[in-house]
Amino acid sequence: MSKAILIVEDEPVLRDTLANLLVEEGYEVEQADNGAVGRDKALARTFDLIITDIRMAQMDGLTLVGHLQQICPDTPVIIMTAYGTVESAVSAMRAGVYDYLLKPVNFDDMLMKIQRALDYGEARRTRQIITEQLAGESTFHNLVGTAPSMQKLFDMVRKLSTVKSSVLIVGDSGTGKELFARAIHYNGITRDKPFVPVNCGAIPDNLIESELFGYRRGAFTGAIRDKIGYFEAANHGTLFLDEISTLPVGVQSSLLRVLEERAVVPVGDTRPRPVDLRIIAASNRNLDQMVRDATFREDLLYRLNVVKLELPPLAQRKEDLPAIVQHFLDKYTRIMNKQVLGISNAAMRAMLSHDWPGNVRELENVIERAVIFAEGRHVQVDDLPFAAPGFTEGDSETLKDAMAGFERQHILWCLKRHDYDKTETAKHLGIGISSLYRKLDELNIPKSESESAELQPADE
């Protein structure tokens, strides 16, 4: 299908000449003799490119460009002017123009710039489609959890998505740190801007500074051209620095300077380049302890830790397990086009008894594997890769009974951990003190260490 181009030009001879040339090149062309007509035509249909003069009697080109930014912001615009001053070019670029042509128009130059602008427009539309797909995959329906601790995190994500403040996400490997980072980015003011994830631990120490901040040609052997770094690539969006704890101390100093000055200096350059972006850092290590060990800068930690999200391990929120299992079951039956009837009670109870050292990532892998082998039936205990002794498909215990048993076990573990301090236990569980006492009664959980000792022989 041929590309549609609108030419807005008040000189009839030039307008017709350009239109005929572009038709011969295989383009579909419409004409407008002033900016007002051009605006109306852009309202009436979609064009792949708009070429407009600047000096026109009725609505000049720059005014038209302002309208086009509202009507069709993704359509590239090329301006033509006989007044090829630096000022007019700068004004046009600031107004959102892709490129400009000087009169008298060089046709070969014009055709080259038209092709570049069309390629740019196509790439921009493709990026928008990908962004929408990523946004769809990074919305709250992928953050599964009804546990109070998770609901509190979801509320924090909603608030953080409206600002560009720095965020520190901590949690064990596999708890979903990047998923939370994407949710912050794609659910708010940066959803149509770049999201650039960087695994700091995967970049060699001698390259990490040039990868983060970019470099100038000739800065070092092999630097044959200028290259922007991750910071500039994420400009106006979000830079996600995973495994931030692996950064060398020297690079930590450079990162701190960028956060303080909101500008980067590429390797081999002396001129700072301003950046406006959100930094989300993540770590599965204790950064406070690293500060005490002098392996992580305390001032950098303060800069990163404007807001901290602490992701709980899966073992501490097993009440969410059935919902997460169903989420991944739906995901992989759709991706693999498989018919799986669900999860058997015995298989679910086996998963509830598992410690999940790999957290949600391990659970996702388990469900993906199970879907492969459970075509046309329920996922069974034998479909699970970890050992599940004592769980057979003939067991009569219901899932509700199993959930109550594990809920009782978890609350009792929290009580013992906090020396039966009810206030601290309720805080750890993310529930109110009255809710805790109700659970203690419902599940027949001992309220003190002495009461637990009295019940111990019966439990055994």
Protein backbone atom coordinates (compact mmCIF):
# COMPACT_ATOMS: atom_id res chain seq x y z
CA MET A 1 0.00 0.00 0.00
CA SER A 2 1.42 3.38 -1.06
CA LYS A 3 2.27 5.98 1.56
CA ALA A 4 0.00 9.04 1.81
CA ILE A 5 1.68 12.47 1.79
CA LEU A 6 0.06 15.89 2.32
CA ILE A 7 1.74 18.92 0.71
CA VAL A 8 0.83 22.32 2.19
CA GLU A 9 2.20 25.12 -0.02
CA ASP A 10 0.72 28.44 -1.17
CA GLU A 11 2.72 28.60 -4.45
CA PRO A 12 0.63 26.59 -6.97
CA VAL A 13 3.48 25.87 -9.41
CA LEU A 14 5.80 24.48 -6.74
CA ARG A 15 2.95 22.56 -5.07
CA ASP A 16 1.89 20.90 -8.32
CA THR A 17 5.49 20.14 -9.31
CA LEU A 18 6.21 18.44 -6.00
CA ALA A 19 2.92 16.53 -6.11
CA ASN A 20 3.57 15.22 -9.63
CA LEU A 21 7.09 14.17 -8.70
CA LEU A 22 5.89 12.23 -5.65
CA VAL A 23 3.07 10.56 -7.58
CA GLU A 24 5.65 9.37 -10.12
CA GLU A 25 7.61 7.92 -7.18
CA GLY A 26 4.56 5.87 -6.17
CA TYR A 27 3.19 8.02 -3.33
CA GLU A 28 -0.44 9.00 -2.80
CA VAL A 29 -0.53 12.82 -2.62
CA GLU A 30 -3.05 15.40 -1.43
CA GLN A 31 -2.57 19.16 -1.65
CA ALA A 32 -3.52 22.18 0.48
CA ASP A 33 -2.91 25.82 -0.45
CA ASN A 34 -2.67 27.13 3.13
CA GLY A 35 -2.25 25.98 6.72
CA ALA A 36 -5.97 26.10 7.56
CA VAL A 37 -6.85 23.76 4.68
CA GLY A 38 -3.93 21.53 5.64
CA ARG A 39 -5.21 21.33 9.22
CA ASP A 40 -8.70 20.35 8.00
CA LYS A 41 -7.29 17.64 5.72
CA ALA A 42 -5.20 16.23 8.59
CA LEU A 43 -8.39 16.09 10.68
CA ALA A 44 -10.26 14.27 7.92
CA ARG A 45 -7.78 11.44 7.31
CA THR A 46 -4.45 9.93 8.31
CA PHE A 47 -1.26 10.80 6.43
CA ASP A 48 2.10 9.05 6.67
CA LEU A 49 3.97 12.35 6.13
CA ILE A 50 3.13 16.06 5.91
CA ILE A 51 5.29 18.58 4.02
CA THR A 52 4.51 22.24 4.68
CA ASP A 53 5.82 25.68 3.80
CA ILE A 54 6.58 28.08 6.67
CA ARG A 55 5.59 31.46 5.17
CA MET A 56 1.93 31.33 4.13
CA ALA A 57 -0.70 34.07 4.15
CA GLN A 58 -3.42 32.12 5.95
CA MET A 59 -1.99 30.20 8.94
CA ASP A 60 1.79 29.90 8.71
CA GLY A 61 3.62 26.57 8.83
CA LEU A 62 4.71 26.76 12.47
CA THR A 63 1.13 27.42 13.59
CA LEU A 64 0.03 24.44 11.49
CA VAL A 65 2.72 22.30 13.13
CA GLY A 66 1.28 23.22 16.52
CA HIS A 67 -2.14 21.95 15.39
CA LEU A 68 -0.61 18.79 13.94
CA GLN A 69 1.02 17.99 17.28
CA GLN A 70 -2.50 17.77 18.71
CA ILE A 71 -4.18 16.10 15.71
CA CYS A 72 -1.57 13.52 14.66
CA PRO A 73 1.47 13.64 16.99
CA ASP A 74 2.98 10.46 15.50
CA THR A 75 3.01 11.79 11.90
CA PRO A 76 6.42 13.18 10.87
CA VAL A 77 6.49 16.71 9.40
CA ILE A 78 9.01 18.26 6.98
CA ILE A 79 8.99 22.05 6.52
CA MET A 80 10.07 24.03 3.46
CA THR A 81 11.37 27.57 3.67
CA ALA A 82 13.13 30.09 1.49
CA TYR A 83 14.38 31.72 4.66
CA GLY A 84 16.93 29.14 5.67
CA THR A 85 18.08 30.80 8.84
CA VAL A 86 19.30 29.01 11.91
CA GLU A 87 16.49 30.65 13.89
CA SER A 88 13.71 29.27 11.71
CA ALA A 89 15.24 25.77 11.73
CA VAL A 90 15.60 25.81 15.52
CA SER A 91 12.03 27.05 15.96
CA ALA A 92 10.77 24.32 13.66
CA MET A 93 12.68 21.57 15.47
CA ARG A 94 11.42 22.81 18.83
CA ALA A 95 7.90 22.70 17.46
CA GLY A 96 8.31 18.99 16.74
CA VAL A 97 9.34 19.04 13.06
CA TYR A 98 11.29 15.99 11.84
CA ASP A 99 13.38 17.78 9.15
CA TYR A 100 13.43 20.84 6.87
CA LEU A 101 14.12 21.68 3.22
CA LEU A 102 15.52 24.92 1.80
CA LYS A 103 14.01 26.53 -1.29
CA PRO A 104 14.75 26.12 -4.14
CA VAL A 105 14.11 22.46 -3.34
CA ASN A 106 16.69 19.91 -4.42
CA PHE A 107 14.51 16.97 -5.50
CA ASP A 108 17.08 14.26 -4.76
CA ASP A 109 17.64 15.69 -1.28
CA MET A 110 13.88 15.90 -0.77
CA LEU A 111 13.27 12.26 -1.78
CA MET A 112 16.02 11.10 0.58
CA LYS A 113 14.57 13.09 3.49
CA ILE A 114 11.05 11.87 2.72
CA GLN A 115 12.19 8.24 2.88
CA ARG A 116 13.97 8.87 6.18
CA ALA A 117 10.90 10.56 7.62
CA LEU A 118 8.64 7.71 6.51
CA ASP A 119 11.02 5.16 8.05
CA TYR A 120 11.05 7.20 11.26
CA GLY A 121 7.24 7.33 11.34
CA GLU A 122 6.98 3.58 10.80
CA ALA A 123 9.53 2.88 13.54
CA ARG A 124 7.67 5.20 15.90
CA ARG A 125 4.36 3.44 15.24
CA THR A 126 5.99 0.04 15.73
CA ARG A 127 7.50 1.22 18.99
CA GLN A 128 4.09 2.46 20.12
CA ILE A 129 2.55 -0.95 19.42
CA ILE A 130 5.34 -2.68 21.34
CA THR A 131 4.95 -0.20 24.20
CA GLU A 132 1.23 -0.90 24.41
CA GLN A 133 1.92 -4.64 24.42
CA LEU A 134 4.51 -4.24 27.18
CA ALA A 135 2.15 -2.02 29.12
CA GLY A 136 -0.52 -4.68 28.84
CA GLU A 137 1.90 -7.27 30.17
CA SER A 138 3.01 -5.02 33.03
CA THR A 139 -0.29 -3.88 34.51
CA PHE A 140 -1.58 -4.82 37.93
CA HIS A 141 -3.26 -8.01 36.76
CA ASN A 142 0.24 -9.52 36.59
CA LEU A 143 0.94 -8.53 40.20
CA VAL A 144 -1.01 -11.30 41.88
CA GLY A 145 -1.63 -11.29 45.60
CA THR A 146 -4.31 -10.72 48.21
CA ALA A 147 -2.01 -10.85 51.22
CA PRO A 148 -2.06 -7.55 53.17
CA SER A 149 1.67 -7.08 52.55
CA MET A 150 1.09 -7.30 48.79
CA GLN A 151 -1.91 -4.96 48.81
CA LYS A 152 0.24 -2.38 50.59
CA LEU A 153 2.89 -2.74 47.87
CA PHE A 154 0.29 -2.35 45.11
CA ASP A 155 -0.89 0.88 46.69
CA MET A 156 2.70 2.16 46.78
CA VAL A 157 3.15 1.27 43.10
CA ARG A 158 0.05 3.31 42.18
CA LYS A 159 1.44 6.36 43.97
CA LEU A 160 4.98 5.95 42.60
CA SER A 161 3.71 5.70 39.01
CA THR A 162 2.61 9.35 39.18
CA VAL A 163 6.08 10.73 40.01
CA LYS A 164 9.71 10.21 38.92
CA SER A 165 11.20 9.78 42.37
CA SER A 166 13.96 7.20 42.84
CA VAL A 167 12.81 3.79 44.06
CA LEU A 168 14.76 0.96 45.70
CA ILE A 169 13.26 -2.53 45.38
CA VAL A 170 14.70 -5.20 47.66
CA GLY A 171 13.85 -8.86 47.92
CA ASP A 172 15.14 -12.36 47.36
CA SER A 173 15.87 -13.59 43.84
CA GLY A 174 12.71 -14.52 42.01
CA THR A 175 10.32 -12.32 43.99
CA GLY A 176 9.45 -10.18 40.94
CA LYS A 177 11.55 -7.03 41.33
CA GLU A 178 11.60 -6.22 37.60
CA LEU A 179 7.86 -6.92 37.36
CA PHE A 180 7.23 -4.28 40.03
CA ALA A 181 9.59 -1.86 38.27
CA ARG A 182 7.69 -2.31 35.01
CA ALA A 183 4.36 -1.82 36.82
CA ILE A 184 5.60 1.51 38.20
CA HIS A 185 6.75 2.60 34.74
CA TYR A 186 3.83 1.43 32.61
CA ASN A 187 0.95 2.42 34.91
CA GLY A 188 1.61 6.14 35.09
CA ILE A 189 3.25 9.20 33.61
CA THR A 190 6.10 7.32 31.87
CA ARG A 191 4.05 4.57 30.15
CA ASP A 192 4.84 5.89 26.63
CA LYS A 193 8.49 6.62 27.43
CA PRO A 194 11.50 4.25 27.37
CA PHE A 195 11.92 1.54 30.00
CA VAL A 196 15.56 0.44 29.97
CA PRO A 197 16.48 -2.56 32.17
CA VAL A 198 20.17 -3.03 32.99
CA ASN A 199 21.64 -6.02 34.80
CA CYS A 200 24.62 -4.36 36.47
CA GLY A 201 26.10 -7.74 37.42
CA ALA A 202 26.28 -8.87 33.79
CA ILE A 203 28.51 -6.00 32.57
CA PRO A 204 32.30 -6.31 33.01
CA ASP A 205 33.76 -3.77 35.44
CA ASN A 206 35.94 -2.17 32.75
CA LEU A 207 32.92 -1.50 30.50
CA ILE A 208 30.17 -0.55 32.90
CA GLU A 209 30.92 3.20 33.03
CA SER A 210 30.94 3.55 29.24
CA GLU A 211 27.77 1.41 28.98
CA LEU A 212 25.92 3.52 31.55
CA PHE A 213 27.09 6.98 30.47
CA GLY A 214 28.12 6.46 26.83
CA TYR A 215 31.38 7.48 25.18
CA ARG A 216 32.88 9.73 22.51
CA ARG A 217 34.67 8.46 19.45
CA GLY A 218 38.35 7.91 20.23
CA ALA A 219 37.79 7.72 24.00
CA PHE A 220 39.49 4.31 24.01
CA THR A 221 40.66 1.63 21.61
CA GLY A 222 37.69 0.38 19.64
CA ALA A 223 35.55 3.50 20.18
CA ILE A 224 35.16 4.21 16.45
CA ARG A 225 31.99 6.30 16.86
CA ASP A 226 30.01 8.13 19.51
CA LYS A 227 27.61 5.99 21.53
CA ILE A 228 24.92 7.03 23.98
CA GLY A 229 24.72 5.15 27.26
CA TYR A 230 21.80 3.60 29.11
CA PHE A 231 21.06 6.87 30.91
CA GLU A 232 20.46 8.81 27.70
CA ALA A 233 18.61 5.86 26.17
CA ALA A 234 16.17 6.00 29.11
CA ASN A 235 15.80 9.80 29.02
CA HIS A 236 12.29 10.94 30.05
CA GLY A 237 11.48 7.36 31.07
CA THR A 238 12.80 4.81 33.57
CA LEU A 239 16.23 3.26 34.04
CA PHE A 240 16.02 -0.01 35.98
CA LEU A 241 19.35 -0.90 37.57
CA ASP A 242 19.11 -4.51 38.69
CA GLU A 243 21.76 -5.99 40.99
CA ILE A 244 22.86 -2.48 41.96
CA SER A 245 25.02 -4.03 44.70
CA THR A 246 27.50 -5.30 42.08
CA LEU A 247 28.56 -1.81 40.96
CA PRO A 248 32.25 -1.06 41.63
CA VAL A 249 32.81 1.71 44.18
CA GLY A 250 34.28 4.00 41.53
CA VAL A 251 31.19 3.68 39.35
CA GLN A 252 29.02 4.26 42.43
CA SER A 253 30.67 7.70 42.72
CA SER A 254 29.88 8.50 39.09
CA LEU A 255 26.29 7.33 39.53
CA LEU A 256 25.91 9.53 42.60
CA ARG A 257 27.11 12.55 40.62
CA VAL A 258 24.55 11.85 37.88
CA LEU A 259 21.74 11.59 40.43
CA GLU A 260 22.78 14.86 42.07
CA GLU A 261 23.39 16.87 38.89
CA ARG A 262 20.79 15.17 36.63
CA ALA A 263 23.39 15.10 33.85
CA VAL A 264 25.81 12.56 32.37
CA VAL A 265 29.29 13.08 30.98
CA PRO A 266 30.19 10.41 28.39
CA VAL A 267 33.60 8.79 28.65
CA GLY A 268 36.07 10.89 26.69
CA ASP A 269 33.90 14.02 26.86
CA THR A 270 33.85 17.04 29.18
CA ARG A 271 30.38 18.44 28.42
CA PRO A 272 27.50 17.28 30.63
CA ARG A 273 24.31 16.15 28.93
CA PRO A 274 21.12 16.76 30.94
CA VAL A 275 18.85 13.77 31.62
CA ASP A 276 15.38 13.62 33.10
CA LEU A 277 14.42 10.13 34.18
CA ARG A 278 13.34 7.90 37.03
CA ILE A 279 15.89 5.55 38.59
CA ILE A 280 14.62 2.25 39.97
CA ALA A 281 17.35 0.18 41.61
CA ALA A 282 16.99 -3.39 42.82
CA SER A 283 19.05 -5.67 45.02
CA ASN A 284 18.77 -9.09 46.64
CA ARG A 285 21.58 -8.20 49.03
CA ASN A 286 21.47 -6.20 52.26
CA LEU A 287 22.73 -2.78 51.17
CA ASP A 288 22.76 -1.47 54.74
CA GLN A 289 25.21 -4.22 55.66
CA MET A 290 27.28 -3.42 52.56
CA VAL A 291 27.47 0.20 53.75
CA ARG A 292 28.77 -1.02 57.11
CA ASP A 293 31.29 -3.20 55.25
CA ALA A 294 32.39 -0.16 53.18
CA THR A 295 31.49 -1.88 49.89
CA PHE A 296 28.54 0.40 49.07
CA ARG A 297 28.43 4.18 49.38
CA GLU A 298 26.10 5.43 52.09
CA ASP A 299 25.35 8.69 50.25
CA LEU A 300 24.38 6.74 47.12
CA LEU A 301 22.06 4.54 49.15
CA TYR A 302 20.35 7.67 50.50
CA ARG A 303 19.85 8.93 46.94
CA LEU A 304 18.42 5.64 45.70
CA ASN A 305 16.32 4.91 48.75
CA VAL A 306 13.75 7.71 48.42
CA VAL A 307 11.06 5.02 48.57
CA LYS A 308 11.78 1.38 49.37
CA LEU A 309 9.66 -1.58 48.27
CA GLU A 310 10.43 -4.74 50.25
CA LEU A 311 9.09 -7.77 48.41
CA PRO A 312 8.24 -10.70 50.67
CA PRO A 313 9.39 -14.22 49.71
CA LEU A 314 6.69 -16.56 48.49
CA ALA A 315 7.06 -18.70 51.62
CA GLN A 316 5.73 -15.78 53.68
CA ARG A 317 2.55 -15.33 51.63
CA LYS A 318 1.38 -18.83 50.82
CA GLU A 319 -2.23 -17.67 51.00
CA ASP A 320 -1.54 -16.13 47.56
CA LEU A 321 -0.29 -19.41 46.11
CA PRO A 322 -3.61 -20.67 44.59
CA ALA A 323 -4.21 -17.33 42.82
CA ILE A 324 -0.63 -17.18 41.48
CA VAL A 325 -0.82 -20.81 40.32
CA GLN A 326 -4.05 -20.06 38.45
CA HIS A 327 -2.48 -16.96 36.89
CA PHE A 328 0.45 -18.93 35.50
CA LEU A 329 -1.82 -21.82 34.50
CA ASP A 330 -3.95 -19.42 32.43
CA LYS A 331 -0.81 -17.85 30.94
CA TYR A 332 0.86 -21.06 29.78
CA THR A 333 -2.27 -22.87 28.59
CA ARG A 334 -2.85 -19.81 26.37
CA ILE A 335 0.75 -19.60 25.15
CA MET A 336 1.06 -23.35 24.48
CA ASN A 337 -2.55 -23.77 23.31
CA LYS A 338 -3.00 -26.61 25.80
CA GLN A 339 -6.19 -27.83 27.50
CA VAL A 340 -5.43 -28.32 31.20
CA LEU A 341 -8.42 -28.80 33.53
CA GLY A 342 -6.80 -27.32 36.64
CA ILE A 343 -4.74 -28.33 39.67
CA SER A 344 -5.64 -31.36 41.77
CA ASN A 345 -6.04 -30.83 45.52
CA ALA A 346 -3.11 -33.11 46.23
CA ALA A 347 -0.87 -31.19 43.81
CA MET A 348 -1.92 -27.88 45.34
CA ARG A 349 -1.26 -29.16 48.86
CA ALA A 350 2.14 -30.40 47.74
CA MET A 351 2.93 -26.92 46.41
CA LEU A 352 1.69 -25.37 49.64
CA SER A 353 4.10 -27.57 51.58
CA HIS A 354 7.07 -26.61 49.38
CA ASP A 355 9.45 -23.91 50.68
CA TRP A 356 9.90 -22.21 47.24
CA PRO A 357 13.52 -21.09 47.60
CA GLY A 358 13.31 -19.71 44.04
CA ASN A 359 10.13 -17.77 44.89
CA VAL A 360 7.66 -16.75 42.16
CA ARG A 361 10.18 -17.44 39.39
CA GLU A 362 10.50 -21.05 40.55
CA LEU A 363 6.71 -21.39 40.75
CA GLU A 364 6.31 -20.07 37.20
CA ASN A 365 8.81 -22.63 35.91
CA VAL A 366 6.99 -25.41 37.80
CA ILE A 367 3.63 -24.49 36.24
CA GLU A 368 5.12 -24.13 32.76
CA ARG A 369 6.59 -27.63 33.08
CA ALA A 370 3.34 -29.06 34.45
CA VAL A 371 1.27 -27.64 31.57
CA ILE A 372 3.50 -29.49 29.09
CA PHE A 373 2.64 -32.87 30.62
CA ALA A 374 -0.95 -32.35 31.83
CA GLU A 375 -2.76 -32.10 28.49
CA GLY A 376 -6.48 -32.87 28.88
CA ARG A 377 -6.41 -33.46 32.65
CA HIS A 378 -5.64 -31.89 36.04
CA VAL A 379 -2.05 -31.22 37.07
CA GLN A 380 -1.10 -34.09 39.43
CA VAL A 381 1.55 -34.49 42.10
CA ASP A 382 3.66 -36.51 39.67
CA ASP A 383 3.81 -33.47 37.33
CA LEU A 384 5.74 -31.48 39.94
CA PRO A 385 9.55 -31.56 39.68
CA PHE A 386 10.24 -31.37 43.42
CA ALA A 387 9.81 -34.26 45.82
CA ALA A 388 6.36 -34.27 47.47
CA PRO A 389 6.36 -37.16 49.95
CA GLY A 390 3.08 -37.98 51.69
CA PHE A 391 0.84 -36.41 49.05
CA THR A 392 -1.18 -38.79 46.89
CA GLU A 393 -4.11 -38.19 44.59
CA GLY A 394 -6.33 -40.34 46.85
CA ASP A 395 -5.99 -38.00 49.85
CA SER A 396 -9.38 -36.67 50.97
CA GLU A 397 -8.26 -33.42 52.61
CA THR A 398 -9.80 -30.45 50.82
CA LEU A 399 -7.87 -27.43 49.60
CA LYS A 400 -9.68 -25.28 52.19
CA ASP A 401 -8.45 -27.59 54.96
CA ALA A 402 -4.94 -27.51 53.54
CA MET A 403 -4.94 -23.70 53.39
CA ALA A 404 -6.14 -23.49 57.00
CA GLY A 405 -3.38 -25.88 58.07
CA PHE A 406 -0.65 -23.87 56.40
CA GLU A 407 -2.14 -20.60 57.67
CA ARG A 408 -2.00 -21.99 61.20
CA GLN A 409 1.58 -23.16 60.67
CA HIS A 410 2.68 -19.76 59.37
CA ILE A 411 1.05 -17.75 62.18
CA LEU A 412 2.57 -20.07 64.78
CA TRP A 413 5.99 -19.62 63.16
CA CYS A 414 5.59 -15.81 63.30
CA LEU A 415 4.53 -15.96 66.97
CA LYS A 416 7.60 -17.98 67.90
CA ARG A 417 9.86 -15.71 65.88
CA HIS A 418 8.58 -12.65 67.81
CA ASP A 419 8.55 -14.39 71.21
CA TYR A 420 4.73 -14.41 71.20
CA ASP A 421 4.58 -10.59 71.01
CA LYS A 422 1.11 -10.15 69.44
CA THR A 423 1.72 -6.56 68.28
CA GLU A 424 4.95 -7.43 66.44
CA THR A 425 3.39 -10.62 65.03
CA ALA A 426 0.37 -8.75 63.68
CA LYS A 427 2.68 -6.13 62.15
CA HIS A 428 4.78 -8.83 60.47
CA LEU A 429 1.65 -10.54 59.11
CA GLY A 430 0.23 -7.24 57.86
CA ILE A 431 -3.03 -7.57 59.81
CA GLY A 432 -4.63 -5.79 62.76
CA ILE A 433 -4.21 -7.04 66.32
CA SER A 434 -7.94 -7.88 66.56
CA SER A 435 -7.68 -9.92 63.35
CA LEU A 436 -4.73 -11.81 64.81
CA TYR A 437 -6.66 -12.73 67.98
CA ARG A 438 -9.58 -13.90 65.84
CA LYS A 439 -7.23 -16.14 63.84
CA LEU A 440 -5.71 -17.54 67.04
CA ASP A 441 -9.15 -18.59 68.21
CA GLU A 442 -10.37 -19.88 64.83
CA LEU A 443 -7.27 -22.00 64.22
CA ASN A 444 -6.74 -23.07 67.84
CA ILE A 445 -3.28 -21.52 67.99
CA PRO A 446 -1.59 -21.19 71.42
CA LYS A 447 -1.37 -17.56 72.53
CA SER A 448 1.73 -17.94 74.70
CA GLU A 449 4.89 -19.99 74.90
CA SER A 450 3.62 -21.81 78.01
CA GLU A 451 0.35 -22.68 76.29
CA SER A 452 2.30 -23.97 73.32
CA ALA A 453 4.41 -26.17 75.60
CA GLU A 454 1.26 -27.64 77.12
CA LEU A 455 -0.11 -28.51 73.67
CA GLN A 456 3.19 -29.86 72.31
CA PRO A 457 2.71 -33.53 73.30
CA ALA A 458 -0.73 -33.56 71.71
CA ASP A 459 0.64 -32.07 68.47
CA GLU A 460 3.32 -34.69 68.32
